[in-house]
Amino acid sequence: MNAIIVQTTCASKTEAKNISRVLIQEKLAACIQLQEVESLYMWNDEFCNDFETLLNIKTTKDNFDEVQRKIKELHSYDVPEIIQISITNASKKYIKFIGDNTI
């Protein structure tokens, strides 16, 4: 099993919790951390400075496509951030936790 972290940001904490609840209930994620962040970026040639909620989604590489599909389905952004980060080192017990709590 290849454990990964999928990162996305949401416009609100409510949206982030909804996406998190669905991913966990459908066993597409073992654990999701939410963190308030400030994001600076260009959108449609305009400088933006927004507060968002960052999700760190712990899952498996096999689940990435379905996690990505669910995020796109539930997300309010036209182009949501969906980034896969490989977990290269972690405790065996934590990797087992991810495996035990995902499909």
PDB file of N, CA and C in Angstrom:
ATOM      1  N   MET A   1       0.837  -1.178   0.000  1.00  0.00           N
ATOM      2  CA  MET A   1       0.000   0.000   0.000  1.00  0.00           C
ATOM      3  C   MET A   1       0.883   1.244   0.000  1.00  0.00           C
ATOM      4  N   ASN A   2       0.594   2.171  -0.890  1.00  0.00           N
ATOM      5  CA  ASN A   2       1.316   3.435  -0.959  1.00  0.00           C
ATOM      6  C   ASN A   2       0.477   4.533  -0.327  1.00  0.00           C
ATOM      7  N   ALA A   3       0.893   4.988   0.841  1.00  0.00           N
ATOM      8  CA  ALA A   3       0.170   6.048   1.532  1.00  0.00           C
ATOM      9  C   ALA A   3       0.528   7.392   0.903  1.00  0.00           C
ATOM     10  N   ILE A   4      -0.470   8.259   0.802  1.00  0.00           N
ATOM     11  CA  ILE A   4      -0.273   9.598   0.255  1.00  0.00           C
ATOM     12  C   ILE A   4      -1.054  10.609   1.076  1.00  0.00           C
ATOM     13  N   ILE A   5      -0.732  11.875   0.846  1.00  0.00           N
ATOM     14  CA  ILE A   5      -1.519  12.993   1.351  1.00  0.00           C
ATOM     15  C   ILE A   5      -2.042  13.732   0.137  1.00  0.00           C
ATOM     16  N   VAL A   6      -3.327  14.017   0.127  1.00  0.00           N
ATOM     17  CA  VAL A   6      -3.912  14.845  -0.916  1.00  0.00           C
ATOM     18  C   VAL A   6      -4.243  16.181  -0.265  1.00  0.00           C
ATOM     19  N   GLN A   7      -3.781  17.260  -0.888  1.00  0.00           N
ATOM     20  CA  GLN A   7      -4.068  18.592  -0.362  1.00  0.00           C
ATOM     21  C   GLN A   7      -5.077  19.296  -1.260  1.00  0.00           C
ATOM     22  N   THR A   8      -5.994  19.996  -0.613  1.00  0.00           N
ATOM     23  CA  THR A   8      -6.910  20.882  -1.304  1.00  0.00           C
ATOM     24  C   THR A   8      -7.234  22.031  -0.359  1.00  0.00           C
ATOM     25  N   THR A   9      -7.689  23.129  -0.914  1.00  0.00           N
ATOM     26  CA  THR A   9      -8.151  24.246  -0.102  1.00  0.00           C
ATOM     27  C   THR A   9      -9.616  24.501  -0.422  1.00  0.00           C
ATOM     28  N   CYS A  10     -10.346  24.995   0.575  1.00  0.00           N
ATOM     29  CA  CYS A  10     -11.779  25.278   0.419  1.00  0.00           C
ATOM     30  C   CYS A  10     -12.058  26.717   0.814  1.00  0.00           C
ATOM     31  N   ALA A  11     -13.132  27.246   0.253  1.00  0.00           N
ATOM     32  CA  ALA A  11     -13.511  28.633   0.527  1.00  0.00           C
ATOM     33  C   ALA A  11     -14.022  28.842   1.943  1.00  0.00           C
ATOM     34  N   SER A  12     -14.533  27.777   2.566  1.00  0.00           N
ATOM     35  CA  SER A  12     -15.069  27.914   3.919  1.00  0.00           C
ATOM     36  C   SER A  12     -14.804  26.645   4.726  1.00  0.00           C
ATOM     37  N   LYS A  13     -14.876  26.795   6.037  1.00  0.00           N
ATOM     38  CA  LYS A  13     -14.715  25.641   6.918  1.00  0.00           C
ATOM     39  C   LYS A  13     -15.888  24.673   6.745  1.00  0.00           C
ATOM     40  N   THR A  14     -17.062  25.197   6.484  1.00  0.00           N
ATOM     41  CA  THR A  14     -18.241  24.354   6.265  1.00  0.00           C
ATOM     42  C   THR A  14     -18.036  23.454   5.051  1.00  0.00           C
ATOM     43  N   GLU A  15     -17.555  24.026   3.954  1.00  0.00           N
ATOM     44  CA  GLU A  15     -17.284  23.237   2.754  1.00  0.00           C
ATOM     45  C   GLU A  15     -16.202  22.190   3.034  1.00  0.00           C
ATOM     46  N   ALA A  16     -15.154  22.586   3.745  1.00  0.00           N
ATOM     47  CA  ALA A  16     -14.058  21.662   4.078  1.00  0.00           C
ATOM     48  C   ALA A  16     -14.560  20.501   4.926  1.00  0.00           C
ATOM     49  N   LYS A  17     -15.406  20.784   5.907  1.00  0.00           N
ATOM     50  CA  LYS A  17     -15.944  19.717   6.753  1.00  0.00           C
ATOM     51  C   LYS A  17     -16.863  18.792   5.971  1.00  0.00           C
ATOM     52  N   ASN A  18     -17.631  19.332   5.045  1.00  0.00           N
ATOM     53  CA  ASN A  18     -18.520  18.507   4.229  1.00  0.00           C
ATOM     54  C   ASN A  18     -17.704  17.548   3.356  1.00  0.00           C
ATOM     55  N   ILE A  19     -16.697  18.047   2.671  1.00  0.00           N
ATOM     56  CA  ILE A  19     -15.838  17.202   1.849  1.00  0.00           C
ATOM     57  C   ILE A  19     -15.156  16.153   2.722  1.00  0.00           C
ATOM     58  N   SER A  20     -14.661  16.559   3.870  1.00  0.00           N
ATOM     59  CA  SER A  20     -13.990  15.632   4.790  1.00  0.00           C
ATOM     60  C   SER A  20     -14.922  14.526   5.247  1.00  0.00           C
ATOM     61  N   ARG A  21     -16.129  14.888   5.634  1.00  0.00           N
ATOM     62  CA  ARG A  21     -17.107  13.905   6.121  1.00  0.00           C
ATOM     63  C   ARG A  21     -17.400  12.862   5.046  1.00  0.00           C
ATOM     64  N   VAL A  22     -17.614  13.312   3.817  1.00  0.00           N
ATOM     65  CA  VAL A  22     -17.919  12.382   2.724  1.00  0.00           C
ATOM     66  C   VAL A  22     -16.741  11.450   2.467  1.00  0.00           C
ATOM     67  N   LEU A  23     -15.534  11.996   2.392  1.00  0.00           N
ATOM     68  CA  LEU A  23     -14.358  11.167   2.116  1.00  0.00           C
ATOM     69  C   LEU A  23     -14.130  10.123   3.206  1.00  0.00           C
ATOM     70  N   ILE A  24     -14.320  10.512   4.453  1.00  0.00           N
ATOM     71  CA  ILE A  24     -14.112   9.569   5.560  1.00  0.00           C
ATOM     72  C   ILE A  24     -15.238   8.535   5.612  1.00  0.00           C
ATOM     73  N   GLN A  25     -16.486   8.980   5.464  1.00  0.00           N
ATOM     74  CA  GLN A  25     -17.605   8.041   5.509  1.00  0.00           C
ATOM     75  C   GLN A  25     -17.555   7.025   4.373  1.00  0.00           C
ATOM     76  N   GLU A  26     -17.041   7.428   3.225  1.00  0.00           N
ATOM     77  CA  GLU A  26     -16.931   6.513   2.089  1.00  0.00           C
ATOM     78  C   GLU A  26     -15.615   5.735   2.105  1.00  0.00           C
ATOM     79  N   LYS A  27     -14.852   5.889   3.192  1.00  0.00           N
ATOM     80  CA  LYS A  27     -13.582   5.184   3.396  1.00  0.00           C
ATOM     81  C   LYS A  27     -12.552   5.486   2.306  1.00  0.00           C
ATOM     82  N   LEU A  28     -12.647   6.693   1.757  1.00  0.00           N
ATOM     83  CA  LEU A  28     -11.659   7.149   0.794  1.00  0.00           C
ATOM     84  C   LEU A  28     -10.497   7.844   1.488  1.00  0.00           C
ATOM     85  N   ALA A  29     -10.673   8.179   2.752  1.00  0.00           N
ATOM     86  CA  ALA A  29      -9.628   8.807   3.555  1.00  0.00           C
ATOM     87  C   ALA A  29      -9.680   8.251   4.962  1.00  0.00           C
ATOM     88  N   ALA A  30      -8.512   8.109   5.569  1.00  0.00           N
ATOM     89  CA  ALA A  30      -8.428   7.621   6.947  1.00  0.00           C
ATOM     90  C   ALA A  30      -8.522   8.763   7.949  1.00  0.00           C
ATOM     91  N   CYS A  31      -7.966   9.900   7.582  1.00  0.00           N
ATOM     92  CA  CYS A  31      -7.878  11.044   8.489  1.00  0.00           C
ATOM     93  C   CYS A  31      -7.719  12.293   7.648  1.00  0.00           C
ATOM     94  N   ILE A  32      -8.331  13.375   8.087  1.00  0.00           N
ATOM     95  CA  ILE A  32      -8.182  14.649   7.376  1.00  0.00           C
ATOM     96  C   ILE A  32      -7.963  15.748   8.410  1.00  0.00           C
ATOM     97  N   GLN A  33      -6.920  16.525   8.206  1.00  0.00           N
ATOM     98  CA  GLN A  33      -6.637  17.668   9.063  1.00  0.00           C
ATOM     99  C   GLN A  33      -7.072  18.939   8.351  1.00  0.00           C
ATOM    100  N   LEU A  34      -7.729  19.829   9.087  1.00  0.00           N
ATOM    101  CA  LEU A  34      -8.164  21.114   8.563  1.00  0.00           C
ATOM    102  C   LEU A  34      -7.364  22.220   9.240  1.00  0.00           C
ATOM    103  N   GLN A  35      -6.950  23.176   8.433  1.00  0.00           N
ATOM    104  CA  GLN A  35      -6.155  24.285   8.963  1.00  0.00           C
ATOM    105  C   GLN A  35      -6.539  25.559   8.217  1.00  0.00           C
ATOM    106  N   GLU A  36      -6.746  26.625   8.977  1.00  0.00           N
ATOM    107  CA  GLU A  36      -7.030  27.916   8.358  1.00  0.00           C
ATOM    108  C   GLU A  36      -5.734  28.487   7.788  1.00  0.00           C
ATOM    109  N   VAL A  37      -5.789  28.940   6.525  1.00  0.00           N
ATOM    110  CA  VAL A  37      -4.614  29.503   5.857  1.00  0.00           C
ATOM    111  C   VAL A  37      -5.005  30.773   5.117  1.00  0.00           C
ATOM    112  N   GLU A  38      -4.003  31.600   4.857  1.00  0.00           N
ATOM    113  CA  GLU A  38      -4.184  32.772   4.017  1.00  0.00           C
ATOM    114  C   GLU A  38      -3.507  32.479   2.689  1.00  0.00           C
ATOM    115  N   SER A  39      -4.233  32.658   1.595  1.00  0.00           N
ATOM    116  CA  SER A  39      -3.710  32.342   0.264  1.00  0.00           C
ATOM    117  C   SER A  39      -3.612  33.597  -0.583  1.00  0.00           C
ATOM    118  N   LEU A  40      -2.489  33.737  -1.242  1.00  0.00           N
ATOM    119  CA  LEU A  40      -2.239  34.840  -2.160  1.00  0.00           C
ATOM    120  C   LEU A  40      -2.029  34.234  -3.538  1.00  0.00           C
ATOM    121  N   TYR A  41      -2.744  34.749  -4.542  1.00  0.00           N
ATOM    122  CA  TYR A  41      -2.657  34.150  -5.873  1.00  0.00           C
ATOM    123  C   TYR A  41      -3.258  35.093  -6.915  1.00  0.00           C
ATOM    124  N   MET A  42      -3.012  34.761  -8.184  1.00  0.00           N
ATOM    125  CA  MET A  42      -3.610  35.488  -9.298  1.00  0.00           C
ATOM    126  C   MET A  42      -4.762  34.661  -9.844  1.00  0.00           C
ATOM    127  N   TRP A  43      -5.898  35.311 -10.095  1.00  0.00           N
ATOM    128  CA  TRP A  43      -7.038  34.638 -10.709  1.00  0.00           C
ATOM    129  C   TRP A  43      -7.694  35.605 -11.679  1.00  0.00           C
ATOM    130  N   ASN A  44      -7.812  35.197 -12.931  1.00  0.00           N
ATOM    131  CA  ASN A  44      -8.372  36.057 -13.979  1.00  0.00           C
ATOM    132  C   ASN A  44      -7.674  37.417 -14.022  1.00  0.00           C
ATOM    133  N   ASP A  45      -6.346  37.360 -13.978  1.00  0.00           N
ATOM    134  CA  ASP A  45      -5.496  38.564 -14.039  1.00  0.00           C
ATOM    135  C   ASP A  45      -5.722  39.525 -12.876  1.00  0.00           C
ATOM    136  N   GLU A  46      -6.238  39.015 -11.778  1.00  0.00           N
ATOM    137  CA  GLU A  46      -6.475  39.849 -10.598  1.00  0.00           C
ATOM    138  C   GLU A  46      -5.761  39.237  -9.397  1.00  0.00           C
ATOM    139  N   PHE A  47      -5.089  40.080  -8.610  1.00  0.00           N
ATOM    140  CA  PHE A  47      -4.427  39.631  -7.397  1.00  0.00           C
ATOM    141  C   PHE A  47      -5.482  39.345  -6.332  1.00  0.00           C
ATOM    142  N   CYS A  48      -5.385  38.168  -5.710  1.00  0.00           N
ATOM    143  CA  CYS A  48      -6.347  37.766  -4.690  1.00  0.00           C
ATOM    144  C   CYS A  48      -5.629  37.457  -3.380  1.00  0.00           C
ATOM    145  N   ASN A  49      -6.270  37.779  -2.292  1.00  0.00           N
ATOM    146  CA  ASN A  49      -5.768  37.511  -0.948  1.00  0.00           C
ATOM    147  C   ASN A  49      -6.966  37.031  -0.139  1.00  0.00           C
ATOM    148  N   ASP A  50      -7.043  35.698   0.042  1.00  0.00           N
ATOM    149  CA  ASP A  50      -8.214  35.105   0.673  1.00  0.00           C
ATOM    150  C   ASP A  50      -7.822  34.217   1.843  1.00  0.00           C
ATOM    151  N   PHE A  51      -8.769  34.047   2.757  1.00  0.00           N
ATOM    152  CA  PHE A  51      -8.617  33.070   3.828  1.00  0.00           C
ATOM    153  C   PHE A  51      -9.362  31.811   3.404  1.00  0.00           C
ATOM    154  N   GLU A  52      -8.691  30.673   3.512  1.00  0.00           N
ATOM    155  CA  GLU A  52      -9.242  29.402   3.080  1.00  0.00           C
ATOM    156  C   GLU A  52      -8.990  28.359   4.167  1.00  0.00           C
ATOM    157  N   THR A  53      -9.577  27.190   3.971  1.00  0.00           N
ATOM    158  CA  THR A  53      -9.313  26.056   4.845  1.00  0.00           C
ATOM    159  C   THR A  53      -8.549  25.016   4.035  1.00  0.00           C
ATOM    160  N   LEU A  54      -7.365  24.664   4.523  1.00  0.00           N
ATOM    161  CA  LEU A  54      -6.505  23.667   3.882  1.00  0.00           C
ATOM    162  C   LEU A  54      -6.836  22.296   4.445  1.00  0.00           C
ATOM    163  N   LEU A  55      -7.017  21.316   3.566  1.00  0.00           N
ATOM    164  CA  LEU A  55      -7.253  19.935   3.972  1.00  0.00           C
ATOM    165  C   LEU A  55      -6.023  19.109   3.640  1.00  0.00           C
ATOM    166  N   ASN A  56      -5.530  18.357   4.620  1.00  0.00           N
ATOM    167  CA  ASN A  56      -4.486  17.351   4.418  1.00  0.00           C
ATOM    168  C   ASN A  56      -5.187  16.008   4.571  1.00  0.00           C
ATOM    169  N   ILE A  57      -5.403  15.339   3.445  1.00  0.00           N
ATOM    170  CA  ILE A  57      -6.202  14.126   3.372  1.00  0.00           C
ATOM    171  C   ILE A  57      -5.262  12.926   3.318  1.00  0.00           C
ATOM    172  N   LYS A  58      -5.312  12.065   4.338  1.00  0.00           N
ATOM    173  CA  LYS A  58      -4.471  10.859   4.376  1.00  0.00           C
ATOM    174  C   LYS A  58      -5.233   9.717   3.746  1.00  0.00           C
ATOM    175  N   THR A  59      -4.642   9.148   2.686  1.00  0.00           N
ATOM    176  CA  THR A  59      -5.303   8.094   1.936  1.00  0.00           C
ATOM    177  C   THR A  59      -4.256   7.218   1.267  1.00  0.00           C
ATOM    178  N   THR A  60      -4.687   6.458   0.269  1.00  0.00           N
ATOM    179  CA  THR A  60      -3.765   5.598  -0.472  1.00  0.00           C
ATOM    180  C   THR A  60      -3.711   6.042  -1.928  1.00  0.00           C
ATOM    181  N   LYS A  61      -2.610   5.701  -2.569  1.00  0.00           N
ATOM    182  CA  LYS A  61      -2.440   6.054  -3.980  1.00  0.00           C
ATOM    183  C   LYS A  61      -3.562   5.455  -4.827  1.00  0.00           C
ATOM    184  N   ASP A  62      -4.009   4.257  -4.484  1.00  0.00           N
ATOM    185  CA  ASP A  62      -5.100   3.616  -5.222  1.00  0.00           C
ATOM    186  C   ASP A  62      -6.399   4.418  -5.145  1.00  0.00           C
ATOM    187  N   ASN A  63      -6.577   5.208  -4.098  1.00  0.00           N
ATOM    188  CA  ASN A  63      -7.800   5.993  -3.921  1.00  0.00           C
ATOM    189  C   ASN A  63      -7.733   7.380  -4.547  1.00  0.00           C
ATOM    190  N   PHE A  64      -6.566   7.780  -5.064  1.00  0.00           N
ATOM    191  CA  PHE A  64      -6.402   9.159  -5.526  1.00  0.00           C
ATOM    192  C   PHE A  64      -7.453   9.576  -6.553  1.00  0.00           C
ATOM    193  N   ASP A  65      -7.670   8.781  -7.579  1.00  0.00           N
ATOM    194  CA  ASP A  65      -8.617   9.177  -8.631  1.00  0.00           C
ATOM    195  C   ASP A  65     -10.024   9.395  -8.077  1.00  0.00           C
ATOM    196  N   GLU A  66     -10.458   8.535  -7.162  1.00  0.00           N
ATOM    197  CA  GLU A  66     -11.796   8.684  -6.588  1.00  0.00           C
ATOM    198  C   GLU A  66     -11.856   9.876  -5.627  1.00  0.00           C
ATOM    199  N   VAL A  67     -10.788  10.099  -4.856  1.00  0.00           N
ATOM    200  CA  VAL A  67     -10.728  11.273  -3.979  1.00  0.00           C
ATOM    201  C   VAL A  67     -10.806  12.541  -4.836  1.00  0.00           C
ATOM    202  N   GLN A  68     -10.049  12.566  -5.906  1.00  0.00           N
ATOM    203  CA  GLN A  68     -10.059  13.723  -6.807  1.00  0.00           C
ATOM    204  C   GLN A  68     -11.460  13.938  -7.396  1.00  0.00           C
ATOM    205  N   ARG A  69     -12.115  12.865  -7.817  1.00  0.00           N
ATOM    206  CA  ARG A  69     -13.458  12.976  -8.381  1.00  0.00           C
ATOM    207  C   ARG A  69     -14.444  13.544  -7.358  1.00  0.00           C
ATOM    208  N   LYS A  70     -14.359  13.054  -6.109  1.00  0.00           N
ATOM    209  CA  LYS A  70     -15.264  13.536  -5.050  1.00  0.00           C
ATOM    210  C   LYS A  70     -15.007  15.002  -4.736  1.00  0.00           C
ATOM    211  N   ILE A  71     -13.737  15.389  -4.668  1.00  0.00           N
ATOM    212  CA  ILE A  71     -13.428  16.796  -4.395  1.00  0.00           C
ATOM    213  C   ILE A  71     -14.038  17.675  -5.486  1.00  0.00           C
ATOM    214  N   LYS A  72     -13.824  17.308  -6.745  1.00  0.00           N
ATOM    215  CA  LYS A  72     -14.374  18.102  -7.855  1.00  0.00           C
ATOM    216  C   LYS A  72     -15.896  18.161  -7.796  1.00  0.00           C
ATOM    217  N   GLU A  73     -16.528  17.063  -7.412  1.00  0.00           N
ATOM    218  CA  GLU A  73     -17.993  16.985  -7.330  1.00  0.00           C
ATOM    219  C   GLU A  73     -18.547  17.902  -6.241  1.00  0.00           C
ATOM    220  N   LEU A  74     -17.847  17.987  -5.102  1.00  0.00           N
ATOM    221  CA  LEU A  74     -18.360  18.698  -3.926  1.00  0.00           C
ATOM    222  C   LEU A  74     -17.816  20.115  -3.765  1.00  0.00           C
ATOM    223  N   HIS A  75     -16.829  20.482  -4.550  1.00  0.00           N
ATOM    224  CA  HIS A  75     -16.094  21.736  -4.360  1.00  0.00           C
ATOM    225  C   HIS A  75     -16.771  22.907  -5.045  1.00  0.00           C
ATOM    226  N   SER A  76     -16.648  24.090  -4.462  1.00  0.00           N
ATOM    227  CA  SER A  76     -17.242  25.296  -5.038  1.00  0.00           C
ATOM    228  C   SER A  76     -16.337  25.992  -6.056  1.00  0.00           C
ATOM    229  N   TYR A  77     -15.046  25.679  -6.066  1.00  0.00           N
ATOM    230  CA  TYR A  77     -14.122  26.344  -6.986  1.00  0.00           C
ATOM    231  C   TYR A  77     -14.195  25.750  -8.385  1.00  0.00           C
ATOM    232  N   ASP A  78     -13.970  26.593  -9.394  1.00  0.00           N
ATOM    233  CA  ASP A  78     -13.863  26.121 -10.773  1.00  0.00           C
ATOM    234  C   ASP A  78     -12.625  25.247 -10.954  1.00  0.00           C
ATOM    235  N   VAL A  79     -11.532  25.623 -10.292  1.00  0.00           N
ATOM    236  CA  VAL A  79     -10.257  24.901 -10.399  1.00  0.00           C
ATOM    237  C   VAL A  79      -9.728  24.661  -8.984  1.00  0.00           C
ATOM    238  N   PRO A  80     -10.240  23.635  -8.296  1.00  0.00           N
ATOM    239  CA  PRO A  80      -9.738  23.378  -6.943  1.00  0.00           C
ATOM    240  C   PRO A  80      -8.315  22.824  -6.970  1.00  0.00           C
ATOM    241  N   GLU A  81      -7.543  23.205  -5.972  1.00  0.00           N
ATOM    242  CA  GLU A  81      -6.223  22.612  -5.781  1.00  0.00           C
ATOM    243  C   GLU A  81      -6.421  21.147  -5.396  1.00  0.00           C
ATOM    244  N   ILE A  82      -5.770  20.253  -6.126  1.00  0.00           N
ATOM    245  CA  ILE A  82      -5.788  18.830  -5.779  1.00  0.00           C
ATOM    246  C   ILE A  82      -4.376  18.325  -6.044  1.00  0.00           C
ATOM    247  N   ILE A  83      -3.608  18.178  -4.966  1.00  0.00           N
ATOM    248  CA  ILE A  83      -2.196  17.815  -5.071  1.00  0.00           C
ATOM    249  C   ILE A  83      -1.952  16.518  -4.327  1.00  0.00           C
ATOM    250  N   GLN A  84      -1.259  15.601  -4.968  1.00  0.00           N
ATOM    251  CA  GLN A  84      -0.878  14.332  -4.329  1.00  0.00           C
ATOM    252  C   GLN A  84       0.555  14.437  -3.842  1.00  0.00           C
ATOM    253  N   ILE A  85       0.777  14.098  -2.567  1.00  0.00           N
ATOM    254  CA  ILE A  85       2.105  14.095  -1.961  1.00  0.00           C
ATOM    255  C   ILE A  85       2.378  12.690  -1.448  1.00  0.00           C
ATOM    256  N   SER A  86       3.472  12.098  -1.887  1.00  0.00           N
ATOM    257  CA  SER A  86       3.827  10.757  -1.428  1.00  0.00           C
ATOM    258  C   SER A  86       4.345  10.812   0.000  1.00  0.00           C
ATOM    259  N   ILE A  87       3.938   9.854   0.799  1.00  0.00           N
ATOM    260  CA  ILE A  87       4.484   9.695   2.145  1.00  0.00           C
ATOM    261  C   ILE A  87       5.649   8.718   2.004  1.00  0.00           C
ATOM    262  N   THR A  88       6.857   9.224   2.169  1.00  0.00           N
ATOM    263  CA  THR A  88       8.032   8.375   1.972  1.00  0.00           C
ATOM    264  C   THR A  88       8.521   7.737   3.263  1.00  0.00           C
ATOM    265  N   ASN A  89       8.226   8.349   4.387  1.00  0.00           N
ATOM    266  CA  ASN A  89       8.609   7.795   5.691  1.00  0.00           C
ATOM    267  C   ASN A  89       7.489   8.057   6.688  1.00  0.00           C
ATOM    268  N   ALA A  90       7.092   7.006   7.376  1.00  0.00           N
ATOM    269  CA  ALA A  90       6.075   7.111   8.423  1.00  0.00           C
ATOM    270  C   ALA A  90       6.169   5.860   9.275  1.00  0.00           C
ATOM    271  N   SER A  91       5.626   5.936  10.473  1.00  0.00           N
ATOM    272  CA  SER A  91       5.646   4.747  11.330  1.00  0.00           C
ATOM    273  C   SER A  91       4.781   3.657  10.713  1.00  0.00           C
ATOM    274  N   LYS A  92       5.168   2.418  10.932  1.00  0.00           N
ATOM    275  CA  LYS A  92       4.405   1.280  10.415  1.00  0.00           C
ATOM    276  C   LYS A  92       2.997   1.271  10.963  1.00  0.00           C
ATOM    277  N   LYS A  93       2.838   1.683  12.219  1.00  0.00           N
ATOM    278  CA  LYS A  93       1.510   1.707  12.828  1.00  0.00           C
ATOM    279  C   LYS A  93       0.605   2.742  12.152  1.00  0.00           C
ATOM    280  N   TYR A  94       1.186   3.901  11.781  1.00  0.00           N
ATOM    281  CA  TYR A  94       0.369   4.921  11.117  1.00  0.00           C
ATOM    282  C   TYR A  94      -0.008   4.482   9.710  1.00  0.00           C
ATOM    283  N   ILE A  95       0.902   3.879   8.991  1.00  0.00           N
ATOM    284  CA  ILE A  95       0.597   3.359   7.658  1.00  0.00           C
ATOM    285  C   ILE A  95      -0.507   2.298   7.762  1.00  0.00           C
ATOM    286  N   LYS A  96      -0.416   1.444   8.783  1.00  0.00           N
ATOM    287  CA  LYS A  96      -1.458   0.434   9.011  1.00  0.00           C
ATOM    288  C   LYS A  96      -2.795   1.107   9.284  1.00  0.00           C
ATOM    289  N   PHE A  97      -2.797   2.179  10.088  1.00  0.00           N
ATOM    290  CA  PHE A  97      -4.016   2.934  10.366  1.00  0.00           C
ATOM    291  C   PHE A  97      -4.653   3.431   9.077  1.00  0.00           C
ATOM    292  N   ILE A  98      -3.850   3.971   8.175  1.00  0.00           N
ATOM    293  CA  ILE A  98      -4.392   4.455   6.889  1.00  0.00           C
ATOM    294  C   ILE A  98      -4.999   3.283   6.121  1.00  0.00           C
ATOM    295  N   GLY A  99      -4.271   2.191   6.043  1.00  0.00           N
ATOM    296  CA  GLY A  99      -4.769   1.010   5.327  1.00  0.00           C
ATOM    297  C   GLY A  99      -6.032   0.434   5.936  1.00  0.00           C
ATOM    298  N   ASP A 100      -6.095   0.404   7.255  1.00  0.00           N
ATOM    299  CA  ASP A 100      -7.259  -0.169   7.951  1.00  0.00           C
ATOM    300  C   ASP A 100      -8.519   0.678   7.793  1.00  0.00           C
ATOM    301  N   ASN A 101      -8.346   1.961   7.493  1.00  0.00           N
ATOM    302  CA  ASN A 101      -9.480   2.875   7.468  1.00  0.00           C
ATOM    303  C   ASN A 101      -9.825   3.399   6.081  1.00  0.00           C
ATOM    304  N   THR A 102      -9.275   2.767   5.052  1.00  0.00           N
ATOM    305  CA  THR A 102      -9.610   3.111   3.686  1.00  0.00           C
ATOM    306  C   THR A 102      -9.957   1.841   2.920  1.00  0.00           C
ATOM    307  N   ILE A 103     -10.643   2.018   1.802  1.00  0.00           N
ATOM    308  CA  ILE A 103     -10.987   0.856   0.969  1.00  0.00           C
ATOM    309  C   ILE A 103      -9.846   0.505   0.040  1.00  0.00           C
TER     310      ILE A 103
END
